[in-house]
């Protein structure tokens, strides 16, 4: 293999390394964005669920008994979610 070929192979290896580095940087950046976005999305979902009355769950078509839930003082879907299974089974 001559000098030109060796230089071409070396340039190809450098280019491959740069491409791999770029992909790794992209993955790190995308991960950082997902990590930063998670609490924002969680807060948004919590706010929306806090505005949805328990009675709206009956609109899902499922046979849900919301009366006992509302009588227990849980008036929003968020409160039901936050209550967890143990409290809901009481």
N, C-alpha and C. Protein backbone atom coordinates (compact mmCIF):
# COMPACT_ATOMS: atom_id res chain seq x y z
N UNK A 1 0.85 -1.16 0.00
CA UNK A 1 0.00 0.00 0.00
C UNK A 1 0.90 1.23 0.00
N UNK A 2 0.57 2.14 -0.89
CA UNK A 2 1.37 3.36 -1.03
C UNK A 2 0.94 4.44 -0.06
N UNK A 3 1.69 5.54 -0.11
CA UNK A 3 1.44 6.66 0.79
C UNK A 3 0.04 7.23 0.61
N UNK A 4 -0.40 7.42 -0.62
CA UNK A 4 -1.73 7.99 -0.89
C UNK A 4 -2.82 7.10 -0.30
N UNK A 5 -2.65 5.81 -0.44
CA UNK A 5 -3.65 4.88 0.10
C UNK A 5 -3.68 4.94 1.63
N UNK A 6 -2.49 4.98 2.25
CA UNK A 6 -2.42 5.05 3.71
C UNK A 6 -3.07 6.34 4.21
N UNK A 7 -2.81 7.44 3.51
CA UNK A 7 -3.42 8.72 3.90
C UNK A 7 -4.94 8.67 3.74
N UNK A 8 -5.40 8.02 2.69
CA UNK A 8 -6.84 7.89 2.47
C UNK A 8 -7.48 7.05 3.57
N UNK A 9 -6.83 5.94 3.92
CA UNK A 9 -7.34 5.08 5.00
C UNK A 9 -7.34 5.85 6.32
N UNK A 10 -6.27 6.60 6.59
CA UNK A 10 -6.18 7.38 7.83
C UNK A 10 -7.28 8.45 7.86
N UNK A 11 -7.51 9.11 6.73
CA UNK A 11 -8.57 10.12 6.67
C UNK A 11 -9.93 9.47 6.88
N UNK A 12 -10.12 8.30 6.32
CA UNK A 12 -11.38 7.57 6.52
C UNK A 12 -11.60 7.22 7.98
N UNK A 13 -10.53 6.79 8.64
CA UNK A 13 -10.64 6.46 10.07
C UNK A 13 -10.97 7.69 10.91
N UNK A 14 -10.33 8.81 10.56
CA UNK A 14 -10.63 10.06 11.28
C UNK A 14 -12.09 10.46 11.06
N UNK A 15 -12.55 10.34 9.84
CA UNK A 15 -13.93 10.67 9.52
C UNK A 15 -14.90 9.75 10.27
N UNK A 16 -14.57 8.46 10.32
CA UNK A 16 -15.39 7.51 11.06
C UNK A 16 -15.43 7.89 12.54
N UNK A 17 -14.29 8.24 13.11
CA UNK A 17 -14.23 8.65 14.51
C UNK A 17 -15.06 9.90 14.76
N UNK A 18 -14.97 10.85 13.83
CA UNK A 18 -15.75 12.09 13.98
C UNK A 18 -17.25 11.79 13.91
N UNK A 19 -17.64 10.91 12.99
CA UNK A 19 -19.06 10.56 12.86
C UNK A 19 -19.56 9.85 14.12
N UNK A 20 -18.76 8.94 14.66
CA UNK A 20 -19.16 8.24 15.89
C UNK A 20 -19.26 9.22 17.06
N UNK A 21 -18.34 10.16 17.13
CA UNK A 21 -18.36 11.16 18.18
C UNK A 21 -19.62 12.04 18.06
N UNK A 22 -19.95 12.40 16.83
CA UNK A 22 -21.15 13.21 16.60
C UNK A 22 -22.40 12.47 17.04
N UNK A 23 -22.48 11.18 16.72
CA UNK A 23 -23.64 10.38 17.14
C UNK A 23 -23.72 10.30 18.67
N UNK A 24 -22.59 10.10 19.31
CA UNK A 24 -22.57 10.02 20.77
C UNK A 24 -22.99 11.36 21.39
N UNK A 25 -22.51 12.47 20.81
CA UNK A 25 -22.90 13.80 21.30
C UNK A 25 -24.40 14.01 21.15
N UNK A 26 -24.94 13.57 20.02
CA UNK A 26 -26.37 13.71 19.77
C UNK A 26 -27.17 12.92 20.81
N UNK A 27 -26.76 11.70 21.08
CA UNK A 27 -27.45 10.88 22.08
C UNK A 27 -27.40 11.53 23.46
N UNK A 28 -26.24 12.08 23.83
CA UNK A 28 -26.13 12.75 25.12
C UNK A 28 -27.04 13.98 25.17
N UNK A 29 -27.07 14.75 24.09
CA UNK A 29 -27.91 15.95 24.05
C UNK A 29 -29.39 15.58 24.12
N UNK A 30 -29.79 14.56 23.37
CA UNK A 30 -31.18 14.13 23.39
C UNK A 30 -31.56 13.62 24.79
N UNK A 31 -30.67 12.91 25.43
CA UNK A 31 -30.92 12.43 26.79
C UNK A 31 -31.08 13.59 27.77
N UNK A 32 -30.25 14.60 27.62
CA UNK A 32 -30.34 15.77 28.50
C UNK A 32 -31.67 16.50 28.30
N UNK A 33 -32.11 16.59 27.06
CA UNK A 33 -33.39 17.24 26.77
C UNK A 33 -34.53 16.44 27.40
N UNK A 34 -34.50 15.11 27.22
CA UNK A 34 -35.55 14.26 27.83
C UNK A 34 -35.55 14.42 29.35
N UNK A 35 -34.37 14.46 29.95
CA UNK A 35 -34.27 14.61 31.40
C UNK A 35 -34.81 15.96 31.86
N UNK A 36 -34.52 17.01 31.11
CA UNK A 36 -35.00 18.34 31.47
C UNK A 36 -36.51 18.47 31.25
N UNK A 37 -37.02 17.77 30.26
CA UNK A 37 -38.44 17.87 29.91
C UNK A 37 -39.33 17.08 30.87
N UNK A 38 -38.82 16.01 31.45
CA UNK A 38 -39.63 15.13 32.29
C UNK A 38 -40.38 15.87 33.40
N UNK A 39 -39.71 16.70 34.21
CA UNK A 39 -40.46 17.37 35.28
C UNK A 39 -41.48 18.38 34.75
N UNK A 40 -41.19 18.96 33.61
CA UNK A 40 -42.14 19.91 33.00
C UNK A 40 -43.39 19.16 32.57
N UNK A 41 -43.20 18.01 31.91
CA UNK A 41 -44.35 17.20 31.49
C UNK A 41 -45.12 16.68 32.69
N UNK A 42 -44.41 16.23 33.72
CA UNK A 42 -45.07 15.73 34.93
C UNK A 42 -45.95 16.81 35.55
N UNK A 43 -45.43 18.02 35.63
CA UNK A 43 -46.19 19.12 36.21
C UNK A 43 -47.41 19.45 35.36
N UNK A 44 -47.23 19.42 34.05
CA UNK A 44 -48.34 19.70 33.14
C UNK A 44 -49.44 18.65 33.27
N UNK A 45 -49.05 17.39 33.31
CA UNK A 45 -50.02 16.31 33.46
C UNK A 45 -50.74 16.44 34.80
N UNK A 46 -50.00 16.72 35.86
CA UNK A 46 -50.61 16.87 37.18
C UNK A 46 -51.63 18.01 37.18
N UNK A 47 -51.30 19.10 36.51
CA UNK A 47 -52.21 20.24 36.45
C UNK A 47 -53.49 19.87 35.70
N UNK A 48 -53.33 19.20 34.57
CA UNK A 48 -54.50 18.81 33.77
C UNK A 48 -55.37 17.83 34.54
N UNK A 49 -54.74 16.81 35.15
CA UNK A 49 -55.52 15.82 35.90
C UNK A 49 -56.19 16.44 37.12
N UNK A 50 -55.59 17.49 37.66
CA UNK A 50 -56.19 18.19 38.79
C UNK A 50 -57.43 18.97 38.41
N UNK A 51 -57.62 19.21 37.13
CA UNK A 51 -58.79 19.94 36.66
C UNK A 51 -59.89 19.01 36.15
N UNK A 52 -59.63 17.71 36.11
CA UNK A 52 -60.62 16.76 35.60
C UNK A 52 -61.39 16.15 36.77
N UNK A 53 -62.71 16.38 36.81
CA UNK A 53 -63.49 15.81 37.90
C UNK A 53 -63.60 14.29 37.76
N UNK A 54 -63.70 13.62 38.89
CA UNK A 54 -63.81 12.16 38.91
C UNK A 54 -65.00 11.70 38.07
N UNK A 55 -66.07 12.45 38.07
CA UNK A 55 -67.27 12.06 37.33
C UNK A 55 -67.00 11.87 35.83
N UNK A 56 -65.99 12.54 35.31
CA UNK A 56 -65.65 12.39 33.88
C UNK A 56 -65.14 10.99 33.56
N UNK A 57 -64.68 10.25 34.56
CA UNK A 57 -64.20 8.89 34.32
C UNK A 57 -65.31 7.99 33.79
N UNK A 58 -66.55 8.33 34.11
CA UNK A 58 -67.67 7.53 33.61
C UNK A 58 -67.83 7.66 32.10
N UNK A 59 -67.28 8.70 31.51
CA UNK A 59 -67.36 8.90 30.07
C UNK A 59 -66.46 7.95 29.30
N UNK A 60 -65.62 7.22 30.00
CA UNK A 60 -64.70 6.29 29.32
C UNK A 60 -65.42 5.06 28.80
N UNK A 61 -66.63 4.82 29.27
CA UNK A 61 -67.35 3.63 28.85
C UNK A 61 -67.11 2.45 29.77
N UNK A 62 -66.14 2.58 30.65
CA UNK A 62 -65.87 1.52 31.61
C UNK A 62 -66.91 1.59 32.72
N UNK A 63 -67.13 0.49 33.36
CA UNK A 63 -68.11 0.44 34.44
C UNK A 63 -67.41 0.79 35.75
N UNK A 64 -67.24 2.08 35.96
CA UNK A 64 -66.55 2.56 37.16
C UNK A 64 -67.55 3.10 38.16
N UNK A 65 -67.34 2.76 39.40
CA UNK A 65 -68.17 3.29 40.48
C UNK A 65 -67.46 4.50 41.07
N UNK A 66 -67.86 5.66 40.63
CA UNK A 66 -67.19 6.88 41.10
C UNK A 66 -67.84 7.46 42.35
N UNK A 67 -69.07 7.05 42.63
CA UNK A 67 -69.78 7.58 43.81
C UNK A 67 -68.99 7.39 45.10
N UNK A 68 -68.57 6.17 45.41
CA UNK A 68 -67.80 5.96 46.64
C UNK A 68 -66.48 6.75 46.67
N UNK A 69 -65.89 6.90 45.52
CA UNK A 69 -64.64 7.66 45.44
C UNK A 69 -64.90 9.12 45.80
N UNK A 70 -65.95 9.68 45.21
CA UNK A 70 -66.29 11.08 45.49
C UNK A 70 -66.73 11.25 46.95
N UNK A 71 -67.45 10.26 47.48
CA UNK A 71 -67.87 10.33 48.88
C UNK A 71 -66.68 10.29 49.84
N UNK A 72 -65.59 9.67 49.38
CA UNK A 72 -64.37 9.62 50.20
C UNK A 72 -63.59 10.93 50.12
N UNK A 73 -64.12 11.90 49.37
CA UNK A 73 -63.49 13.21 49.30
C UNK A 73 -62.53 13.39 48.13
N UNK A 74 -62.47 12.41 47.26
CA UNK A 74 -61.60 12.52 46.08
C UNK A 74 -62.44 13.07 44.93
N UNK A 75 -62.18 14.31 44.56
CA UNK A 75 -63.03 14.96 43.57
C UNK A 75 -62.38 15.11 42.20
N UNK A 76 -61.05 14.95 42.13
CA UNK A 76 -60.37 15.08 40.83
C UNK A 76 -59.62 13.79 40.50
N UNK A 77 -59.35 13.62 39.23
CA UNK A 77 -58.61 12.44 38.78
C UNK A 77 -57.22 12.44 39.40
N UNK A 78 -56.62 13.59 39.57
CA UNK A 78 -55.30 13.65 40.19
C UNK A 78 -55.35 13.14 41.63
N UNK A 79 -56.38 13.51 42.36
CA UNK A 79 -56.50 13.04 43.74
C UNK A 79 -56.63 11.52 43.77
N UNK A 80 -57.35 10.96 42.81
CA UNK A 80 -57.49 9.50 42.73
C UNK A 80 -56.13 8.88 42.44
N UNK A 81 -55.42 9.44 41.49
CA UNK A 81 -54.09 8.93 41.15
C UNK A 81 -53.15 9.02 42.35
N UNK A 82 -53.16 10.15 43.02
CA UNK A 82 -52.28 10.35 44.17
C UNK A 82 -52.67 9.46 45.35
N UNK A 83 -53.95 9.12 45.46
CA UNK A 83 -54.42 8.29 46.58
C UNK A 83 -53.80 6.91 46.54
N UNK A 84 -53.63 6.37 45.37
CA UNK A 84 -53.03 5.05 45.24
C UNK A 84 -54.01 3.92 45.53
N UNK A 85 -53.64 2.72 45.19
CA UNK A 85 -54.53 1.56 45.32
C UNK A 85 -54.97 1.27 46.76
N UNK A 86 -54.07 1.43 47.72
CA UNK A 86 -54.41 1.09 49.10
C UNK A 86 -55.57 1.93 49.61
N UNK A 87 -55.52 3.23 49.37
CA UNK A 87 -56.60 4.11 49.85
C UNK A 87 -57.88 3.84 49.07
N UNK A 88 -57.78 3.54 47.80
CA UNK A 88 -58.97 3.31 46.99
C UNK A 88 -59.68 2.02 47.37
N UNK A 89 -58.97 1.08 47.93
CA UNK A 89 -59.59 -0.18 48.32
C UNK A 89 -60.23 -0.13 49.70
N UNK A 90 -60.08 0.97 50.40
CA UNK A 90 -60.66 1.10 51.75
C UNK A 90 -62.16 1.23 51.67
